[in-house]
PDB file of N, CA and C in Angstrom:
ATOM      1  N   MET A   1      57.758 -70.074 -75.401  1.00  0.00           N
ATOM      2  CA  MET A   1      58.299 -70.082 -74.050  1.00  0.00           C
ATOM      3  C   MET A   1      57.784 -68.856 -73.302  1.00  0.00           C
ATOM      4  N   THR A   2      57.349 -69.024 -72.079  1.00  0.00           N
ATOM      5  CA  THR A   2      56.829 -67.934 -71.253  1.00  0.00           C
ATOM      6  C   THR A   2      57.973 -67.096 -70.703  1.00  0.00           C
ATOM      7  N   GLU A   3      57.854 -65.794 -70.833  1.00  0.00           N
ATOM      8  CA  GLU A   3      58.822 -64.877 -70.238  1.00  0.00           C
ATOM      9  C   GLU A   3      58.335 -64.489 -68.853  1.00  0.00           C
ATOM     10  N   TYR A   4      59.261 -64.175 -67.989  1.00  0.00           N
ATOM     11  CA  TYR A   4      58.928 -63.779 -66.607  1.00  0.00           C
ATOM     12  C   TYR A   4      59.539 -62.434 -66.291  1.00  0.00           C
ATOM     13  N   THR A   5      58.989 -61.813 -65.270  1.00  0.00           N
ATOM     14  CA  THR A   5      59.518 -60.594 -64.745  1.00  0.00           C
ATOM     15  C   THR A   5      59.580 -60.729 -63.214  1.00  0.00           C
ATOM     16  N   THR A   6      60.289 -59.865 -62.569  1.00  0.00           N
ATOM     17  CA  THR A   6      60.442 -59.924 -61.132  1.00  0.00           C
ATOM     18  C   THR A   6      59.608 -58.856 -60.453  1.00  0.00           C
ATOM     19  N   VAL A   7      58.940 -59.239 -59.344  1.00  0.00           N
ATOM     20  CA  VAL A   7      58.223 -58.302 -58.536  1.00  0.00           C
ATOM     21  C   VAL A   7      58.912 -58.317 -57.153  1.00  0.00           C
ATOM     22  N   SER A   8      59.206 -57.136 -56.650  1.00  0.00           N
ATOM     23  CA  SER A   8      59.900 -57.062 -55.369  1.00  0.00           C
ATOM     24  C   SER A   8      58.900 -56.757 -54.268  1.00  0.00           C
ATOM     25  N   ILE A   9      59.053 -57.490 -53.183  1.00  0.00           N
ATOM     26  CA  ILE A   9      58.252 -57.225 -51.973  1.00  0.00           C
ATOM     27  C   ILE A   9      59.221 -57.204 -50.791  1.00  0.00           C
ATOM     28  N   PRO A  10      58.851 -56.511 -49.730  1.00  0.00           N
ATOM     29  CA  PRO A  10      59.733 -56.467 -48.544  1.00  0.00           C
ATOM     30  C   PRO A  10      59.967 -57.857 -47.986  1.00  0.00           C
ATOM     31  N   LYS A  11      61.137 -58.126 -47.473  1.00  0.00           N
ATOM     32  CA  LYS A  11      61.502 -59.410 -46.911  1.00  0.00           C
ATOM     33  C   LYS A  11      60.557 -59.830 -45.793  1.00  0.00           C
ATOM     34  N   GLU A  12      60.121 -58.879 -44.974  1.00  0.00           N
ATOM     35  CA  GLU A  12      59.159 -59.162 -43.894  1.00  0.00           C
ATOM     36  C   GLU A  12      57.863 -59.714 -44.463  1.00  0.00           C
ATOM     37  N   LEU A  13      57.410 -59.116 -45.517  1.00  0.00           N
ATOM     38  CA  LEU A  13      56.175 -59.590 -46.172  1.00  0.00           C
ATOM     39  C   LEU A  13      56.375 -60.980 -46.773  1.00  0.00           C
ATOM     40  N   ALA A  14      57.509 -61.187 -47.424  1.00  0.00           N
ATOM     41  CA  ALA A  14      57.801 -62.496 -47.987  1.00  0.00           C
ATOM     42  C   ALA A  14      57.826 -63.573 -46.902  1.00  0.00           C
ATOM     43  N   ASP A  15      58.356 -63.264 -45.756  1.00  0.00           N
ATOM     44  CA  ASP A  15      58.376 -64.203 -44.627  1.00  0.00           C
ATOM     45  C   ASP A  15      56.955 -64.517 -44.163  1.00  0.00           C
ATOM     46  N   ARG A  16      56.130 -63.481 -44.088  1.00  0.00           N
ATOM     47  CA  ARG A  16      54.737 -63.678 -43.661  1.00  0.00           C
ATOM     48  C   ARG A  16      53.983 -64.537 -44.678  1.00  0.00           C
ATOM     49  N   VAL A  17      54.247 -64.294 -45.947  1.00  0.00           N
ATOM     50  CA  VAL A  17      53.592 -65.081 -47.013  1.00  0.00           C
ATOM     51  C   VAL A  17      54.024 -66.528 -46.896  1.00  0.00           C
ATOM     52  N   GLU A  18      55.320 -66.781 -46.686  1.00  0.00           N
ATOM     53  CA  GLU A  18      55.782 -68.157 -46.538  1.00  0.00           C
ATOM     54  C   GLU A  18      55.067 -68.863 -45.379  1.00  0.00           C
ATOM     55  N   GLU A  19      54.873 -68.156 -44.281  1.00  0.00           N
ATOM     56  CA  GLU A  19      54.147 -68.737 -43.142  1.00  0.00           C
ATOM     57  C   GLU A  19      52.706 -69.007 -43.519  1.00  0.00           C
ATOM     58  N   THR A  20      52.093 -68.088 -44.268  1.00  0.00           N
ATOM     59  CA  THR A  20      50.719 -68.181 -44.657  1.00  0.00           C
ATOM     60  C   THR A  20      50.477 -69.394 -45.590  1.00  0.00           C
ATOM     61  N   ILE A  21      51.387 -69.676 -46.456  1.00  0.00           N
ATOM     62  CA  ILE A  21      51.165 -70.765 -47.433  1.00  0.00           C
ATOM     63  C   ILE A  21      51.569 -72.146 -46.893  1.00  0.00           C
ATOM     64  N   GLU A  22      52.163 -72.189 -45.701  1.00  0.00           N
ATOM     65  CA  GLU A  22      52.486 -73.519 -45.112  1.00  0.00           C
ATOM     66  C   GLU A  22      51.206 -74.337 -45.007  1.00  0.00           C
ATOM     67  N   GLY A  23      51.281 -75.555 -45.464  1.00  0.00           N
ATOM     68  CA  GLY A  23      50.131 -76.453 -45.380  1.00  0.00           C
ATOM     69  C   GLY A  23      49.110 -76.264 -46.485  1.00  0.00           C
ATOM     70  N   THR A  24      49.401 -75.402 -47.451  1.00  0.00           N
ATOM     71  CA  THR A  24      48.498 -75.171 -48.574  1.00  0.00           C
ATOM     72  C   THR A  24      49.088 -75.818 -49.822  1.00  0.00           C
ATOM     73  N   SER A  25      48.362 -75.683 -50.911  1.00  0.00           N
ATOM     74  CA  SER A  25      48.886 -76.257 -52.193  1.00  0.00           C
ATOM     75  C   SER A  25      49.904 -75.327 -52.859  1.00  0.00           C
ATOM     76  N   PHE A  26      50.070 -74.112 -52.293  1.00  0.00           N
ATOM     77  CA  PHE A  26      51.052 -73.172 -52.866  1.00  0.00           C
ATOM     78  C   PHE A  26      52.450 -73.588 -52.411  1.00  0.00           C
ATOM     79  N   THR A  27      53.334 -73.703 -53.386  1.00  0.00           N
ATOM     80  CA  THR A  27      54.703 -74.124 -53.051  1.00  0.00           C
ATOM     81  C   THR A  27      55.699 -72.972 -52.897  1.00  0.00           C
ATOM     82  N   SER A  28      55.244 -71.771 -53.234  1.00  0.00           N
ATOM     83  CA  SER A  28      56.139 -70.636 -53.111  1.00  0.00           C
ATOM     84  C   SER A  28      55.326 -69.322 -53.101  1.00  0.00           C
ATOM     85  N   THR A  29      56.008 -68.238 -52.713  1.00  0.00           N
ATOM     86  CA  THR A  29      55.375 -66.937 -52.763  1.00  0.00           C
ATOM     87  C   THR A  29      54.945 -66.620 -54.201  1.00  0.00           C
ATOM     88  N   SER A  30      55.793 -66.961 -55.167  1.00  0.00           N
ATOM     89  CA  SER A  30      55.469 -66.729 -56.554  1.00  0.00           C
ATOM     90  C   SER A  30      54.172 -67.455 -56.968  1.00  0.00           C
ATOM     91  N   ASP A  31      53.975 -68.675 -56.516  1.00  0.00           N
ATOM     92  CA  ASP A  31      52.755 -69.401 -56.830  1.00  0.00           C
ATOM     93  C   ASP A  31      51.529 -68.646 -56.332  1.00  0.00           C
ATOM     94  N   LEU A  32      51.609 -68.157 -55.092  1.00  0.00           N
ATOM     95  CA  LEU A  32      50.481 -67.436 -54.512  1.00  0.00           C
ATOM     96  C   LEU A  32      50.211 -66.137 -55.264  1.00  0.00           C
ATOM     97  N   VAL A  33      51.261 -65.376 -55.525  1.00  0.00           N
ATOM     98  CA  VAL A  33      51.112 -64.113 -56.255  1.00  0.00           C
ATOM     99  C   VAL A  33      50.530 -64.342 -57.647  1.00  0.00           C
ATOM    100  N   ARG A  34      51.020 -65.351 -58.346  1.00  0.00           N
ATOM    101  CA  ARG A  34      50.464 -65.642 -59.696  1.00  0.00           C
ATOM    102  C   ARG A  34      48.970 -65.975 -59.572  1.00  0.00           C
ATOM    103  N   PHE A  35      48.603 -66.811 -58.569  1.00  0.00           N
ATOM    104  CA  PHE A  35      47.220 -67.159 -58.394  1.00  0.00           C
ATOM    105  C   PHE A  35      46.356 -65.945 -58.116  1.00  0.00           C
ATOM    106  N   LEU A  36      46.790 -65.078 -57.209  1.00  0.00           N
ATOM    107  CA  LEU A  36      46.018 -63.873 -56.870  1.00  0.00           C
ATOM    108  C   LEU A  36      45.864 -62.956 -58.072  1.00  0.00           C
ATOM    109  N   LEU A  37      46.956 -62.688 -58.779  1.00  0.00           N
ATOM    110  CA  LEU A  37      46.890 -61.786 -59.927  1.00  0.00           C
ATOM    111  C   LEU A  37      46.029 -62.378 -61.032  1.00  0.00           C
ATOM    112  N   ARG A  38      46.179 -63.660 -61.281  1.00  0.00           N
ATOM    113  CA  ARG A  38      45.377 -64.330 -62.310  1.00  0.00           C
ATOM    114  C   ARG A  38      43.888 -64.232 -61.923  1.00  0.00           C
ATOM    115  N   SER A  39      43.570 -64.443 -60.690  1.00  0.00           N
ATOM    116  CA  SER A  39      42.192 -64.360 -60.229  1.00  0.00           C
ATOM    117  C   SER A  39      41.613 -62.967 -60.432  1.00  0.00           C
ATOM    118  N   ILE A  40      42.375 -61.964 -60.122  1.00  0.00           N
ATOM    119  CA  ILE A  40      41.927 -60.569 -60.316  1.00  0.00           C
ATOM    120  C   ILE A  40      41.709 -60.290 -61.798  1.00  0.00           C
ATOM    121  N   VAL A  41      42.639 -60.703 -62.631  1.00  0.00           N
ATOM    122  CA  VAL A  41      42.526 -60.428 -64.074  1.00  0.00           C
ATOM    123  C   VAL A  41      41.342 -61.165 -64.654  1.00  0.00           C
ATOM    124  N   ILE A  42      41.146 -62.456 -64.303  1.00  0.00           N
ATOM    125  CA  ILE A  42      40.018 -63.214 -64.819  1.00  0.00           C
ATOM    126  C   ILE A  42      38.681 -62.555 -64.382  1.00  0.00           C
ATOM    127  N   GLN A  43      38.596 -62.187 -63.133  1.00  0.00           N
ATOM    128  CA  GLN A  43      37.374 -61.575 -62.622  1.00  0.00           C
ATOM    129  C   GLN A  43      37.095 -60.261 -63.391  1.00  0.00           C
ATOM    130  N   ARG A  44      38.105 -59.492 -63.641  1.00  0.00           N
ATOM    131  CA  ARG A  44      37.930 -58.220 -64.377  1.00  0.00           C
ATOM    132  C   ARG A  44      37.516 -58.477 -65.801  1.00  0.00           C
ATOM    133  N   GLN A  45      38.081 -59.461 -66.425  1.00  0.00           N
ATOM    134  CA  GLN A  45      37.751 -59.780 -67.828  1.00  0.00           C
ATOM    135  C   GLN A  45      36.312 -60.255 -67.940  1.00  0.00           C
ATOM    136  N   ARG A  46      35.839 -60.996 -66.978  1.00  0.00           N
ATOM    137  CA  ARG A  46      34.480 -61.506 -67.014  1.00  0.00           C
ATOM    138  C   ARG A  46      33.452 -60.385 -66.908  1.00  0.00           C
ATOM    139  N   SER A  47      33.733 -59.416 -66.047  1.00  0.00           N
ATOM    140  CA  SER A  47      32.750 -58.372 -65.809  1.00  0.00           C
ATOM    141  C   SER A  47      32.998 -57.109 -66.627  1.00  0.00           C
ATOM    142  N   GLY A  48      34.138 -57.030 -67.248  1.00  0.00           N
ATOM    143  CA  GLY A  48      34.463 -55.823 -68.025  1.00  0.00           C
ATOM    144  C   GLY A  48      35.177 -54.782 -67.160  1.00  0.00           C
ATOM    145  N   GLU A  49      34.872 -54.769 -65.894  1.00  0.00           N
ATOM    146  CA  GLU A  49      35.539 -53.913 -64.922  1.00  0.00           C
ATOM    147  C   GLU A  49      35.145 -54.356 -63.531  1.00  0.00           C
ATOM    148  N   LEU A  50      35.949 -53.986 -62.553  1.00  0.00           N
ATOM    149  CA  LEU A  50      35.630 -54.356 -61.181  1.00  0.00           C
ATOM    150  C   LEU A  50      34.664 -53.365 -60.593  1.00  0.00           C
ATOM    151  N   THR A  51      33.694 -53.897 -59.841  1.00  0.00           N
ATOM    152  CA  THR A  51      32.797 -53.001 -59.105  1.00  0.00           C
ATOM    153  C   THR A  51      33.551 -52.550 -57.855  1.00  0.00           C
ATOM    154  N   GLU A  52      33.014 -51.546 -57.180  1.00  0.00           N
ATOM    155  CA  GLU A  52      33.621 -51.071 -55.980  1.00  0.00           C
ATOM    156  C   GLU A  52      33.640 -52.180 -54.932  1.00  0.00           C
ATOM    157  N   ALA A  53      32.578 -52.967 -54.832  1.00  0.00           N
ATOM    158  CA  ALA A  53      32.508 -54.085 -53.865  1.00  0.00           C
ATOM    159  C   ALA A  53      33.542 -55.150 -54.183  1.00  0.00           C
ATOM    160  N   GLU A  54      33.740 -55.469 -55.464  1.00  0.00           N
ATOM    161  CA  GLU A  54      34.754 -56.456 -55.840  1.00  0.00           C
ATOM    162  C   GLU A  54      36.136 -55.962 -55.504  1.00  0.00           C
ATOM    163  N   PHE A  55      36.383 -54.693 -55.783  1.00  0.00           N
ATOM    164  CA  PHE A  55      37.688 -54.100 -55.489  1.00  0.00           C
ATOM    165  C   PHE A  55      37.942 -54.164 -53.974  1.00  0.00           C
ATOM    166  N   GLU A  56      36.946 -53.836 -53.175  1.00  0.00           N
ATOM    167  CA  GLU A  56      37.081 -53.846 -51.722  1.00  0.00           C
ATOM    168  C   GLU A  56      37.341 -55.279 -51.232  1.00  0.00           C
ATOM    169  N   GLU A  57      36.657 -56.256 -51.828  1.00  0.00           N
ATOM    170  CA  GLU A  57      36.854 -57.643 -51.444  1.00  0.00           C
ATOM    171  C   GLU A  57      38.285 -58.090 -51.736  1.00  0.00           C
ATOM    172  N   ILE A  58      38.775 -57.744 -52.895  1.00  0.00           N
ATOM    173  CA  ILE A  58      40.152 -58.134 -53.269  1.00  0.00           C
ATOM    174  C   ILE A  58      41.132 -57.413 -52.348  1.00  0.00           C
ATOM    175  N   THR A  59      40.881 -56.142 -52.055  1.00  0.00           N
ATOM    176  CA  THR A  59      41.751 -55.377 -51.174  1.00  0.00           C
ATOM    177  C   THR A  59      41.779 -56.000 -49.788  1.00  0.00           C
ATOM    178  N   ASP A  60      40.632 -56.414 -49.285  1.00  0.00           N
ATOM    179  CA  ASP A  60      40.567 -57.074 -47.977  1.00  0.00           C
ATOM    180  C   ASP A  60      41.328 -58.378 -47.976  1.00  0.00           C
ATOM    181  N   GLN A  61      41.224 -59.133 -49.050  1.00  0.00           N
ATOM    182  CA  GLN A  61      41.931 -60.398 -49.155  1.00  0.00           C
ATOM    183  C   GLN A  61      43.443 -60.179 -49.164  1.00  0.00           C
ATOM    184  N   LEU A  62      43.874 -59.201 -49.947  1.00  0.00           N
ATOM    185  CA  LEU A  62      45.316 -58.897 -50.018  1.00  0.00           C
ATOM    186  C   LEU A  62      45.820 -58.379 -48.690  1.00  0.00           C
ATOM    187  N   ARG A  63      45.018 -57.595 -48.010  1.00  0.00           N
ATOM    188  CA  ARG A  63      45.405 -57.056 -46.683  1.00  0.00           C
ATOM    189  C   ARG A  63      45.562 -58.224 -45.689  1.00  0.00           C
ATOM    190  N   ALA A  64      44.600 -59.159 -45.720  1.00  0.00           N
ATOM    191  CA  ALA A  64      44.664 -60.287 -44.816  1.00  0.00           C
ATOM    192  C   ALA A  64      45.891 -61.173 -45.052  1.00  0.00           C
ATOM    193  N   LEU A  65      46.334 -61.210 -46.286  1.00  0.00           N
ATOM    194  CA  LEU A  65      47.560 -61.965 -46.607  1.00  0.00           C
ATOM    195  C   LEU A  65      48.814 -61.188 -46.340  1.00  0.00           C
ATOM    196  N   GLY A  66      48.690 -59.915 -45.977  1.00  0.00           N
ATOM    197  CA  GLY A  66      49.840 -59.121 -45.654  1.00  0.00           C
ATOM    198  C   GLY A  66      50.444 -58.318 -46.790  1.00  0.00           C
ATOM    199  N   TYR A  67      49.754 -58.330 -47.932  1.00  0.00           N
ATOM    200  CA  TYR A  67      50.260 -57.580 -49.095  1.00  0.00           C
ATOM    201  C   TYR A  67      49.960 -56.080 -48.976  1.00  0.00           C
ATOM    202  N   LEU A  68      48.952 -55.745 -48.209  1.00  0.00           N
ATOM    203  CA  LEU A  68      48.603 -54.314 -48.003  1.00  0.00           C
ATOM    204  C   LEU A  68      48.533 -54.051 -46.540  1.00  0.00           C
ATOM    205  N   GLU A  69      48.803 -52.841 -46.173  1.00  0.00           N
ATOM    206  CA  GLU A  69      48.672 -52.454 -44.745  1.00  0.00           C
ATOM    207  C   GLU A  69      47.482 -51.565 -44.542  1.00  0.00           C
TER     208      GLU A  69
END
C-alpha cells in the first residue's frame, strides 16, 4: 500500500492551480503536483543530474503555474 504525506501551499496558490487545471486531465491540485514532481524526478534520474538549462526550464514552468514567484 502506498503511503502519502501532505504538502502545504498557500490557499491563494491552490485557488490559482484549480483555475489552471480546469479543462485539463488533472482532477485535483494533488494530481498536478504529483505529475510535476514525478516529471522532475524522472528527468533527473535519466540524466544523473539536472543541467542549469533544465533547472531553469522547470523553474519557469513552476513559476507559470504559480508555484514560484
